[in-house]
Amino acid sequence: MGWFRQAPGKQRELVAEITSGRTTYADSVKGRFTISTDNAKNTVT
């Protein structure tokens, strides 16, 4: 599960994603954004 974003005139980019508790962040948001899921992994925040 993850989050992407797209600004006007720009390509869609990965912001953050999570799988099995492991997280990945875009360099531009690392340290500012935090991604998480619930125990059932059916929600992402």
ModelCIF file with pLDDT and N, C-alpha, C, O atoms, coordinates in Angstrom:
data_MODEL
#
_entry.id   MODEL 
#
_entity.id                         1 
_entity.type                       polymer 
_entity.pdbx_number_of_molecules   1 
#
_entity_poly.entity_id                      1 
_entity_poly.type                           'polypeptide(L)' 
_entity_poly.nstd_linkage                   no 
_entity_poly.nstd_monomer                   no 
_entity_poly.pdbx_seq_one_letter_code       MGWFRQAPGKQRELVAEITSGRTTYADSVKGRFTISTDNAKNTVT 
_entity_poly.pdbx_seq_one_letter_code_can   MGWFRQAPGKQRELVAEITSGRTTYADSVKGRFTISTDNAKNTVT 
_entity_poly.pdbx_strand_id                 A 
#
loop_
_entity_poly_seq.entity_id 
_entity_poly_seq.num 
_entity_poly_seq.mon_id 
_entity_poly_seq.hetero 
1 1  MET n 
1 2  GLY n 
1 3  TRP n 
1 4  PHE n 
1 5  ARG n 
1 6  GLN n 
1 7  ALA n 
1 8  PRO n 
1 9  GLY n 
1 10 LYS n 
1 11 GLN n 
1 12 ARG n 
1 13 GLU n 
1 14 LEU n 
1 15 VAL n 
1 16 ALA n 
1 17 GLU n 
1 18 ILE n 
1 19 THR n 
1 20 SER n 
1 21 GLY n 
1 22 ARG n 
1 23 THR n 
1 24 THR n 
1 25 TYR n 
1 26 ALA n 
1 27 ASP n 
1 28 SER n 
1 29 VAL n 
1 30 LYS n 
1 31 GLY n 
1 32 ARG n 
1 33 PHE n 
1 34 THR n 
1 35 ILE n 
1 36 SER n 
1 37 THR n 
1 38 ASP n 
1 39 ASN n 
1 40 ALA n 
1 41 LYS n 
1 42 ASN n 
1 43 THR n 
1 44 VAL n 
1 45 THR n 
#
_struct_asym.id          A 
_struct_asym.entity_id   1 
#
loop_
_ma_qa_metric.id 
_ma_qa_metric.mode 
_ma_qa_metric.name 
_ma_qa_metric.software_group_id 
_ma_qa_metric.type 
1 global pLDDT . pLDDT 
2 local  pLDDT . pLDDT 
#
_ma_qa_metric_global.metric_id      1 
_ma_qa_metric_global.metric_value   93.44 
_ma_qa_metric_global.model_id       1 
_ma_qa_metric_global.ordinal_id     1 
#
loop_
_ma_qa_metric_local.label_asym_id 
_ma_qa_metric_local.label_comp_id 
_ma_qa_metric_local.label_seq_id 
_ma_qa_metric_local.metric_id 
_ma_qa_metric_local.metric_value 
_ma_qa_metric_local.model_id 
_ma_qa_metric_local.ordinal_id 
A MET 1  2 94.00 1 1  
A GLY 2  2 96.00 1 2  
A TRP 3  2 98.00 1 3  
A PHE 4  2 98.00 1 4  
A ARG 5  2 98.00 1 5  
A GLN 6  2 98.00 1 6  
A ALA 7  2 97.00 1 7  
A PRO 8  2 92.00 1 8  
A GLY 9  2 93.00 1 9  
A LYS 10 2 95.00 1 10 
A GLN 11 2 96.00 1 11 
A ARG 12 2 97.00 1 12 
A GLU 13 2 97.00 1 13 
A LEU 14 2 98.00 1 14 
A VAL 15 2 98.00 1 15 
A ALA 16 2 98.00 1 16 
A GLU 17 2 97.00 1 17 
A ILE 18 2 95.00 1 18 
A THR 19 2 91.00 1 19 
A SER 20 2 85.00 1 20 
A GLY 21 2 85.00 1 21 
A ARG 22 2 94.00 1 22 
A THR 23 2 97.00 1 23 
A THR 24 2 98.00 1 24 
A TYR 25 2 98.00 1 25 
A ALA 26 2 98.00 1 26 
A ASP 27 2 98.00 1 27 
A SER 28 2 97.00 1 28 
A VAL 29 2 98.00 1 29 
A LYS 30 2 98.00 1 30 
A GLY 31 2 98.00 1 31 
A ARG 32 2 98.00 1 32 
A PHE 33 2 98.00 1 33 
A THR 34 2 98.00 1 34 
A ILE 35 2 97.00 1 35 
A SER 36 2 95.00 1 36 
A THR 37 2 92.00 1 37 
A ASP 38 2 85.00 1 38 
A ASN 39 2 62.00 1 39 
A ALA 40 2 69.00 1 40 
A LYS 41 2 69.00 1 41 
A ASN 42 2 87.00 1 42 
A THR 43 2 93.00 1 43 
A VAL 44 2 95.00 1 44 
A THR 45 2 97.00 1 45 
#
loop_
_atom_site.group_PDB 
_atom_site.id 
_atom_site.type_symbol 
_atom_site.label_atom_id 
_atom_site.label_alt_id 
_atom_site.label_comp_id 
_atom_site.label_asym_id 
_atom_site.label_entity_id 
_atom_site.label_seq_id 
_atom_site.pdbx_PDB_ins_code 
_atom_site.Cartn_x 
_atom_site.Cartn_y 
_atom_site.Cartn_z 
_atom_site.occupancy 
_atom_site.B_iso_or_equiv 
_atom_site.pdbx_formal_charge 
_atom_site.auth_seq_id 
_atom_site.auth_comp_id 
_atom_site.auth_asym_id 
_atom_site.auth_atom_id 
_atom_site.pdbx_PDB_model_num 
ATOM 1   N N  . MET A 1 1  ? 0.854  -1.166 0.000   1.00 94.00 ? 1  MET A N  1 
ATOM 2   C CA . MET A 1 1  ? 0.000  0.000  0.000   1.00 94.00 ? 1  MET A CA 1 
ATOM 3   C C  . MET A 1 1  ? 0.897  1.225  0.000   1.00 94.00 ? 1  MET A C  1 
ATOM 4   O O  . MET A 1 1  ? 1.987  1.213  0.573   1.00 94.00 ? 1  MET A O  1 
ATOM 5   N N  . GLY A 1 2  ? 0.435  2.269  -0.639  1.00 96.00 ? 2  GLY A N  1 
ATOM 6   C CA . GLY A 1 2  ? 1.258  3.451  -0.706  1.00 96.00 ? 2  GLY A CA 1 
ATOM 7   C C  . GLY A 1 2  ? 0.494  4.670  -1.167  1.00 96.00 ? 2  GLY A C  1 
ATOM 8   O O  . GLY A 1 2  ? -0.710 4.629  -1.417  1.00 96.00 ? 2  GLY A O  1 
ATOM 9   N N  . TRP A 1 3  ? 1.230  5.748  -1.269  1.00 98.00 ? 3  TRP A N  1 
ATOM 10  C CA . TRP A 1 3  ? 0.694  7.022  -1.701  1.00 98.00 ? 3  TRP A CA 1 
ATOM 11  C C  . TRP A 1 3  ? 1.528  7.571  -2.844  1.00 98.00 ? 3  TRP A C  1 
ATOM 12  O O  . TRP A 1 3  ? 2.758  7.558  -2.800  1.00 98.00 ? 3  TRP A O  1 
ATOM 13  N N  . PHE A 1 4  ? 0.845  8.049  -3.857  1.00 98.00 ? 4  PHE A N  1 
ATOM 14  C CA . PHE A 1 4  ? 1.450  8.767  -4.966  1.00 98.00 ? 4  PHE A CA 1 
ATOM 15  C C  . PHE A 1 4  ? 0.876  10.172 -5.000  1.00 98.00 ? 4  PHE A C  1 
ATOM 16  O O  . PHE A 1 4  ? -0.159 10.447 -4.393  1.00 98.00 ? 4  PHE A O  1 
ATOM 17  N N  . ARG A 1 5  ? 1.545  11.043 -5.702  1.00 98.00 ? 5  ARG A N  1 
ATOM 18  C CA . ARG A 1 5  ? 1.011  12.388 -5.870  1.00 98.00 ? 5  ARG A CA 1 
ATOM 19  C C  . ARG A 1 5  ? 1.347  12.905 -7.258  1.00 98.00 ? 5  ARG A C  1 
ATOM 20  O O  . ARG A 1 5  ? 2.317  12.480 -7.886  1.00 98.00 ? 5  ARG A O  1 
ATOM 21  N N  . GLN A 1 6  ? 0.525  13.825 -7.717  1.00 98.00 ? 6  GLN A N  1 
ATOM 22  C CA . GLN A 1 6  ? 0.728  14.422 -9.019  1.00 98.00 ? 6  GLN A CA 1 
ATOM 23  C C  . GLN A 1 6  ? 0.339  15.886 -8.963  1.00 98.00 ? 6  GLN A C  1 
ATOM 24  O O  . GLN A 1 6  ? -0.801 16.233 -8.654  1.00 98.00 ? 6  GLN A O  1 
ATOM 25  N N  . ALA A 1 7  ? 1.297  16.733 -9.266  1.00 97.00 ? 7  ALA A N  1 
ATOM 26  C CA . ALA A 1 7  ? 1.061  18.158 -9.342  1.00 97.00 ? 7  ALA A CA 1 
ATOM 27  C C  . ALA A 1 7  ? 0.764  18.543 -10.788 1.00 97.00 ? 7  ALA A C  1 
ATOM 28  O O  . ALA A 1 7  ? 1.171  17.833 -11.708 1.00 97.00 ? 7  ALA A O  1 
ATOM 29  N N  . PRO A 1 8  ? 0.067  19.648 -11.004 1.00 92.00 ? 8  PRO A N  1 
ATOM 30  C CA . PRO A 1 8  ? -0.239 20.063 -12.379 1.00 92.00 ? 8  PRO A CA 1 
ATOM 31  C C  . PRO A 1 8  ? 1.017  20.195 -13.221 1.00 92.00 ? 8  PRO A C  1 
ATOM 32  O O  . PRO A 1 8  ? 1.994  20.815 -12.801 1.00 92.00 ? 8  PRO A O  1 
ATOM 33  N N  . GLY A 1 9  ? 0.987  19.610 -14.411 1.00 93.00 ? 9  GLY A N  1 
ATOM 34  C CA . GLY A 1 9  ? 2.115  19.678 -15.312 1.00 93.00 ? 9  GLY A CA 1 
ATOM 35  C C  . GLY A 1 9  ? 3.268  18.762 -14.983 1.00 93.00 ? 9  GLY A C  1 
ATOM 36  O O  . GLY A 1 9  ? 4.297  18.798 -15.658 1.00 93.00 ? 9  GLY A O  1 
ATOM 37  N N  . LYS A 1 10 ? 3.119  17.942 -13.964 1.00 95.00 ? 10 LYS A N  1 
ATOM 38  C CA . LYS A 1 10 ? 4.182  17.034 -13.562 1.00 95.00 ? 10 LYS A CA 1 
ATOM 39  C C  . LYS A 1 10 ? 3.700  15.592 -13.603 1.00 95.00 ? 10 LYS A C  1 
ATOM 40  O O  . LYS A 1 10 ? 2.500  15.318 -13.578 1.00 95.00 ? 10 LYS A O  1 
ATOM 41  N N  . GLN A 1 11 ? 4.655  14.684 -13.666 1.00 96.00 ? 11 GLN A N  1 
ATOM 42  C CA . GLN A 1 11 ? 4.334  13.266 -13.661 1.00 96.00 ? 11 GLN A CA 1 
ATOM 43  C C  . GLN A 1 11 ? 3.993  12.798 -12.251 1.00 96.00 ? 11 GLN A C  1 
ATOM 44  O O  . GLN A 1 11 ? 4.440  13.373 -11.258 1.00 96.00 ? 11 GLN A O  1 
ATOM 45  N N  . ARG A 1 12 ? 3.203  11.757 -12.193 1.00 97.00 ? 12 ARG A N  1 
ATOM 46  C CA . ARG A 1 12 ? 2.883  11.154 -10.913 1.00 97.00 ? 12 ARG A CA 1 
ATOM 47  C C  . ARG A 1 12 ? 4.143  10.547 -10.300 1.00 97.00 ? 12 ARG A C  1 
ATOM 48  O O  . ARG A 1 12 ? 4.941  9.924  -11.000 1.00 97.00 ? 12 ARG A O  1 
ATOM 49  N N  . GLU A 1 13 ? 4.317  10.729 -9.011  1.00 97.00 ? 13 GLU A N  1 
ATOM 50  C CA . GLU A 1 13 ? 5.495  10.223 -8.331  1.00 97.00 ? 13 GLU A CA 1 
ATOM 51  C C  . GLU A 1 13 ? 5.115  9.493  -7.059  1.00 97.00 ? 13 GLU A C  1 
ATOM 52  O O  . GLU A 1 13 ? 4.109  9.799  -6.418  1.00 97.00 ? 13 GLU A O  1 
ATOM 53  N N  . LEU A 1 14 ? 5.934  8.531  -6.714  1.00 98.00 ? 14 LEU A N  1 
ATOM 54  C CA . LEU A 1 14 ? 5.750  7.805  -5.467  1.00 98.00 ? 14 LEU A CA 1 
ATOM 55  C C  . LEU A 1 14 ? 6.149  8.686  -4.303  1.00 98.00 ? 14 LEU A C  1 
ATOM 56  O O  . LEU A 1 14 ? 7.224  9.287  -4.307  1.00 98.00 ? 14 LEU A O  1 
ATOM 57  N N  . VAL A 1 15 ? 5.286  8.762  -3.311  1.00 98.00 ? 15 VAL A N  1 
ATOM 58  C CA . VAL A 1 15 ? 5.572  9.499  -2.091  1.00 98.00 ? 15 VAL A CA 1 
ATOM 59  C C  . VAL A 1 15 ? 6.084  8.557  -1.011  1.00 98.00 ? 15 VAL A C  1 
ATOM 60  O O  . VAL A 1 15 ? 7.134  8.796  -0.413  1.00 98.00 ? 15 VAL A O  1 
ATOM 61  N N  . ALA A 1 16 ? 5.346  7.496  -0.768  1.00 98.00 ? 16 ALA A N  1 
ATOM 62  C CA . ALA A 1 16 ? 5.718  6.530  0.253   1.00 98.00 ? 16 ALA A CA 1 
ATOM 63  C C  . ALA A 1 16 ? 4.960  5.240  0.012   1.00 98.00 ? 16 ALA A C  1 
ATOM 64  O O  . ALA A 1 16 ? 3.854  5.253  -0.529  1.00 98.00 ? 16 ALA A O  1 
ATOM 65  N N  . GLU A 1 17 ? 5.549  4.139  0.409   1.00 97.00 ? 17 GLU A N  1 
ATOM 66  C CA . GLU A 1 17 ? 4.875  2.853  0.330   1.00 97.00 ? 17 GLU A CA 1 
ATOM 67  C C  . GLU A 1 17 ? 5.317  1.980  1.483   1.00 97.00 ? 17 GLU A C  1 
ATOM 68  O O  . GLU A 1 17 ? 6.357  2.211  2.101   1.00 97.00 ? 17 GLU A O  1 
ATOM 69  N N  . ILE A 1 18 ? 4.503  0.967  1.763   1.00 95.00 ? 18 ILE A N  1 
ATOM 70  C CA . ILE A 1 18 ? 4.790  0.081  2.881   1.00 95.00 ? 18 ILE A CA 1 
ATOM 71  C C  . ILE A 1 18 ? 4.374  -1.330 2.511   1.00 95.00 ? 18 ILE A C  1 
ATOM 72  O O  . ILE A 1 18 ? 3.322  -1.544 1.908   1.00 95.00 ? 18 ILE A O  1 
ATOM 73  N N  . THR A 1 19 ? 5.213  -2.289 2.878   1.00 91.00 ? 19 THR A N  1 
ATOM 74  C CA . THR A 1 19 ? 4.907  -3.697 2.684   1.00 91.00 ? 19 THR A CA 1 
ATOM 75  C C  . THR A 1 19 ? 5.564  -4.488 3.806   1.00 91.00 ? 19 THR A C  1 
ATOM 76  O O  . THR A 1 19 ? 6.766  -4.373 4.046   1.00 91.00 ? 19 THR A O  1 
ATOM 77  N N  . SER A 1 20 ? 4.762  -5.285 4.480   1.00 85.00 ? 20 SER A N  1 
ATOM 78  C CA . SER A 1 20 ? 5.244  -6.112 5.588   1.00 85.00 ? 20 SER A CA 1 
ATOM 79  C C  . SER A 1 20 ? 6.024  -5.296 6.616   1.00 85.00 ? 20 SER A C  1 
ATOM 80  O O  . SER A 1 20 ? 7.016  -5.766 7.172   1.00 85.00 ? 20 SER A O  1 
ATOM 81  N N  . GLY A 1 21 ? 5.575  -4.099 6.855   1.00 85.00 ? 21 GLY A N  1 
ATOM 82  C CA . GLY A 1 21 ? 6.206  -3.242 7.835   1.00 85.00 ? 21 GLY A CA 1 
ATOM 83  C C  . GLY A 1 21 ? 7.388  -2.446 7.330   1.00 85.00 ? 21 GLY A C  1 
ATOM 84  O O  . GLY A 1 21 ? 7.865  -1.551 8.027   1.00 85.00 ? 21 GLY A O  1 
ATOM 85  N N  . ARG A 1 22 ? 7.871  -2.743 6.149   1.00 94.00 ? 22 ARG A N  1 
ATOM 86  C CA . ARG A 1 22 ? 8.986  -1.997 5.573   1.00 94.00 ? 22 ARG A CA 1 
ATOM 87  C C  . ARG A 1 22 ? 8.458  -0.805 4.799   1.00 94.00 ? 22 ARG A C  1 
ATOM 88  O O  . ARG A 1 22 ? 7.460  -0.901 4.085   1.00 94.00 ? 22 ARG A O  1 
ATOM 89  N N  . THR A 1 23 ? 9.133  0.308  4.950   1.00 97.00 ? 23 THR A N  1 
ATOM 90  C CA . THR A 1 23 ? 8.680  1.550  4.342   1.00 97.00 ? 23 THR A CA 1 
ATOM 91  C C  . THR A 1 23 ? 9.709  2.105  3.374   1.00 97.00 ? 23 THR A C  1 
ATOM 92  O O  . THR A 1 23 ? 10.913 1.900  3.526   1.00 97.00 ? 23 THR A O  1 
ATOM 93  N N  . THR A 1 24 ? 9.207  2.808  2.381   1.00 98.00 ? 24 THR A N  1 
ATOM 94  C CA . THR A 1 24 ? 10.027 3.501  1.408   1.00 98.00 ? 24 THR A CA 1 
ATOM 95  C C  . THR A 1 24 ? 9.476  4.901  1.232   1.00 98.00 ? 24 THR A C  1 
ATOM 96  O O  . THR A 1 24 ? 8.262  5.088  1.143   1.00 98.00 ? 24 THR A O  1 
ATOM 97  N N  . TYR A 1 25 ? 10.361 5.886  1.181   1.00 98.00 ? 25 TYR A N  1 
ATOM 98  C CA . TYR A 1 25 ? 9.957  7.275  1.040   1.00 98.00 ? 25 TYR A CA 1 
ATOM 99  C C  . TYR A 1 25 ? 10.715 7.941  -0.086  1.00 98.00 ? 25 TYR A C  1 
ATOM 100 O O  . TYR A 1 25 ? 11.876 7.627  -0.346  1.00 98.00 ? 25 TYR A O  1 
ATOM 101 N N  . ALA A 1 26 ? 10.046 8.863  -0.749  1.00 98.00 ? 26 ALA A N  1 
ATOM 102 C CA . ALA A 1 26 ? 10.743 9.740  -1.666  1.00 98.00 ? 26 ALA A CA 1 
ATOM 103 C C  . ALA A 1 26 ? 11.707 10.618 -0.883  1.00 98.00 ? 26 ALA A C  1 
ATOM 104 O O  . ALA A 1 26 ? 11.422 11.016 0.247   1.00 98.00 ? 26 ALA A O  1 
ATOM 105 N N  . ASP A 1 27 ? 12.844 10.914 -1.486  1.00 98.00 ? 27 ASP A N  1 
ATOM 106 C CA . ASP A 1 27 ? 13.831 11.733 -0.793  1.00 98.00 ? 27 ASP A CA 1 
ATOM 107 C C  . ASP A 1 27 ? 13.262 13.082 -0.363  1.00 98.00 ? 27 ASP A C  1 
ATOM 108 O O  . ASP A 1 27 ? 13.657 13.627 0.667   1.00 98.00 ? 27 ASP A O  1 
ATOM 109 N N  . SER A 1 28 ? 12.347 13.608 -1.141  1.00 97.00 ? 28 SER A N  1 
ATOM 110 C CA . SER A 1 28 ? 11.810 14.924 -0.870  1.00 97.00 ? 28 SER A CA 1 
ATOM 111 C C  . SER A 1 28 ? 10.929 14.978 0.378   1.00 97.00 ? 28 SER A C  1 
ATOM 112 O O  . SER A 1 28 ? 10.687 16.058 0.916   1.00 97.00 ? 28 SER A O  1 
ATOM 113 N N  . VAL A 1 29 ? 10.450 13.829 0.840   1.00 98.00 ? 29 VAL A N  1 
ATOM 114 C CA . VAL A 1 29 ? 9.557  13.808 1.995   1.00 98.00 ? 29 VAL A CA 1 
ATOM 115 C C  . VAL A 1 29 ? 10.143 13.055 3.179   1.00 98.00 ? 29 VAL A C  1 
ATOM 116 O O  . VAL A 1 29 ? 9.569  13.070 4.268   1.00 98.00 ? 29 VAL A O  1 
ATOM 117 N N  . LYS A 1 30 ? 11.261 12.407 2.980   1.00 98.00 ? 30 LYS A N  1 
ATOM 118 C CA . LYS A 1 30 ? 11.854 11.612 4.044   1.00 98.00 ? 30 LYS A CA 1 
ATOM 119 C C  . LYS A 1 30 ? 12.172 12.493 5.250   1.00 98.00 ? 30 LYS A C  1 
ATOM 120 O O  . LYS A 1 30 ? 12.763 13.565 5.119   1.00 98.00 ? 30 LYS A O  1 
ATOM 121 N N  . GLY A 1 31 ? 11.769 12.019 6.414   1.00 98.00 ? 31 GLY A N  1 
ATOM 122 C CA . GLY A 1 31 ? 11.956 12.777 7.633   1.00 98.00 ? 31 GLY A CA 1 
ATOM 123 C C  . GLY A 1 31 ? 10.785 13.664 7.983   1.00 98.00 ? 31 GLY A C  1 
ATOM 124 O O  . GLY A 1 31 ? 10.684 14.136 9.115   1.00 98.00 ? 31 GLY A O  1 
ATOM 125 N N  . ARG A 1 32 ? 9.897  13.903 7.034   1.00 98.00 ? 32 ARG A N  1 
ATOM 126 C CA . ARG A 1 32 ? 8.724  14.740 7.270   1.00 98.00 ? 32 ARG A CA 1 
ATOM 127 C C  . ARG A 1 32 ? 7.430  13.939 7.238   1.00 98.00 ? 32 ARG A C  1 
ATOM 128 O O  . ARG A 1 32 ? 6.490  14.242 7.974   1.00 98.00 ? 32 ARG A O  1 
ATOM 129 N N  . PHE A 1 33 ? 7.380  12.919 6.387   1.00 98.00 ? 33 PHE A N  1 
ATOM 130 C CA . PHE A 1 33 ? 6.182  12.108 6.228   1.00 98.00 ? 33 PHE A CA 1 
ATOM 131 C C  . PHE A 1 33 ? 6.402  10.739 6.852   1.00 98.00 ? 33 PHE A C  1 
ATOM 132 O O  . PHE A 1 33 ? 7.525  10.236 6.889   1.00 98.00 ? 33 PHE A O  1 
ATOM 133 N N  . THR A 1 34 ? 5.320  10.140 7.343   1.00 98.00 ? 34 THR A N  1 
ATOM 134 C CA . THR A 1 34 ? 5.361  8.809  7.904   1.00 98.00 ? 34 THR A CA 1 
ATOM 135 C C  . THR A 1 34 ? 4.179  8.009  7.390   1.00 98.00 ? 34 THR A C  1 
ATOM 136 O O  . THR A 1 34 ? 3.034  8.453  7.481   1.00 98.00 ? 34 THR A O  1 
ATOM 137 N N  . ILE A 1 35 ? 4.454  6.830  6.849   1.00 97.00 ? 35 ILE A N  1 
ATOM 138 C CA . ILE A 1 35 ? 3.402  5.953  6.363   1.00 97.00 ? 35 ILE A CA 1 
ATOM 139 C C  . ILE A 1 35 ? 3.239  4.791  7.329   1.00 97.00 ? 35 ILE A C  1 
ATOM 140 O O  . ILE A 1 35 ? 4.218  4.301  7.892   1.00 97.00 ? 35 ILE A O  1 
ATOM 141 N N  . SER A 1 36 ? 2.009  4.354  7.517   1.00 95.00 ? 36 SER A N  1 
ATOM 142 C CA . SER A 1 36 ? 1.734  3.250  8.414   1.00 95.00 ? 36 SER A CA 1 
ATOM 143 C C  . SER A 1 36 ? 0.460  2.544  7.987   1.00 95.00 ? 36 SER A C  1 
ATOM 144 O O  . SER A 1 36 ? -0.351 3.095  7.243   1.00 95.00 ? 36 SER A O  1 
ATOM 145 N N  . THR A 1 37 ? 0.292  1.315  8.467   1.00 92.00 ? 37 THR A N  1 
ATOM 146 C CA . THR A 1 37 ? -0.915 0.538  8.210   1.00 92.00 ? 37 THR A CA 1 
ATOM 147 C C  . THR A 1 37 ? -1.440 -0.029 9.521   1.00 92.00 ? 37 THR A C  1 
ATOM 148 O O  . THR A 1 37 ? -0.728 -0.071 10.524  1.00 92.00 ? 37 THR A O  1 
ATOM 149 N N  . ASP A 1 38 ? -2.687 -0.463 9.500   1.00 85.00 ? 38 ASP A N  1 
ATOM 150 C CA . ASP A 1 38 ? -3.224 -1.144 10.669  1.00 85.00 ? 38 ASP A CA 1 
ATOM 151 C C  . ASP A 1 38 ? -2.836 -2.621 10.618  1.00 85.00 ? 38 ASP A C  1 
ATOM 152 O O  . ASP A 1 38 ? -2.192 -3.071 9.670   1.00 85.00 ? 38 ASP A O  1 
ATOM 153 N N  . ASN A 1 39 ? -3.232 -3.362 11.642  1.00 62.00 ? 39 ASN A N  1 
ATOM 154 C CA . ASN A 1 39 ? -2.814 -4.756 11.735  1.00 62.00 ? 39 ASN A CA 1 
ATOM 155 C C  . ASN A 1 39 ? -3.340 -5.611 10.591  1.00 62.00 ? 39 ASN A C  1 
ATOM 156 O O  . ASN A 1 39 ? -2.678 -6.556 10.164  1.00 62.00 ? 39 ASN A O  1 
ATOM 157 N N  . ALA A 1 40 ? -4.499 -5.290 10.107  1.00 69.00 ? 40 ALA A N  1 
ATOM 158 C CA . ALA A 1 40 ? -5.092 -6.051 9.012   1.00 69.00 ? 40 ALA A CA 1 
ATOM 159 C C  . ALA A 1 40 ? -4.541 -5.648 7.649   1.00 69.00 ? 40 ALA A C  1 
ATOM 160 O O  . ALA A 1 40 ? -4.807 -6.310 6.646   1.00 69.00 ? 40 ALA A O  1 
ATOM 161 N N  . LYS A 1 41 ? -3.783 -4.576 7.616   1.00 69.00 ? 41 LYS A N  1 
ATOM 162 C CA . LYS A 1 41 ? -3.187 -4.060 6.383   1.00 69.00 ? 41 LYS A CA 1 
ATOM 163 C C  . LYS A 1 41 ? -4.216 -3.737 5.325   1.00 69.00 ? 41 LYS A C  1 
ATOM 164 O O  . LYS A 1 41 ? -3.969 -3.867 4.126   1.00 69.00 ? 41 LYS A O  1 
ATOM 165 N N  . ASN A 1 42 ? -5.364 -3.316 5.790   1.00 87.00 ? 42 ASN A N  1 
ATOM 166 C CA . ASN A 1 42 ? -6.386 -2.875 4.850   1.00 87.00 ? 42 ASN A CA 1 
ATOM 167 C C  . ASN A 1 42 ? -6.599 -1.369 4.885   1.00 87.00 ? 42 ASN A C  1 
ATOM 168 O O  . ASN A 1 42 ? -7.462 -0.837 4.187   1.00 87.00 ? 42 ASN A O  1 
ATOM 169 N N  . THR A 1 43 ? -5.808 -0.689 5.702   1.00 93.00 ? 43 THR A N  1 
ATOM 170 C CA . THR A 1 43 ? -5.808 0.764  5.697   1.00 93.00 ? 43 THR A CA 1 
ATOM 171 C C  . THR A 1 43 ? -4.377 1.260  5.680   1.00 93.00 ? 43 THR A C  1 
ATOM 172 O O  . THR A 1 43 ? -3.468 0.579  6.154   1.00 93.00 ? 43 THR A O  1 
ATOM 173 N N  . VAL A 1 44 ? -4.182 2.431  5.139   1.00 95.00 ? 44 VAL A N  1 
ATOM 174 C CA . VAL A 1 44 ? -2.870 3.053  5.108   1.00 95.00 ? 44 VAL A CA 1 
ATOM 175 C C  . VAL A 1 44 ? -3.033 4.525  5.441   1.00 95.00 ? 44 VAL A C  1 
ATOM 176 O O  . VAL A 1 44 ? -3.974 5.182  4.995   1.00 95.00 ? 44 VAL A O  1 
ATOM 177 N N  . THR A 1 45 ? -2.108 5.023  6.227   1.00 97.00 ? 45 THR A N  1 
ATOM 178 C CA . THR A 1 45 ? -2.147 6.401  6.684   1.00 97.00 ? 45 THR A CA 1 
ATOM 179 C C  . THR A 1 45 ? -0.848 7.098  6.321   1.00 97.00 ? 45 THR A C  1 
ATOM 180 O O  . THR A 1 45 ? -0.676 8.279  6.621   1.00 97.00 ? 45 THR A O  1 
#
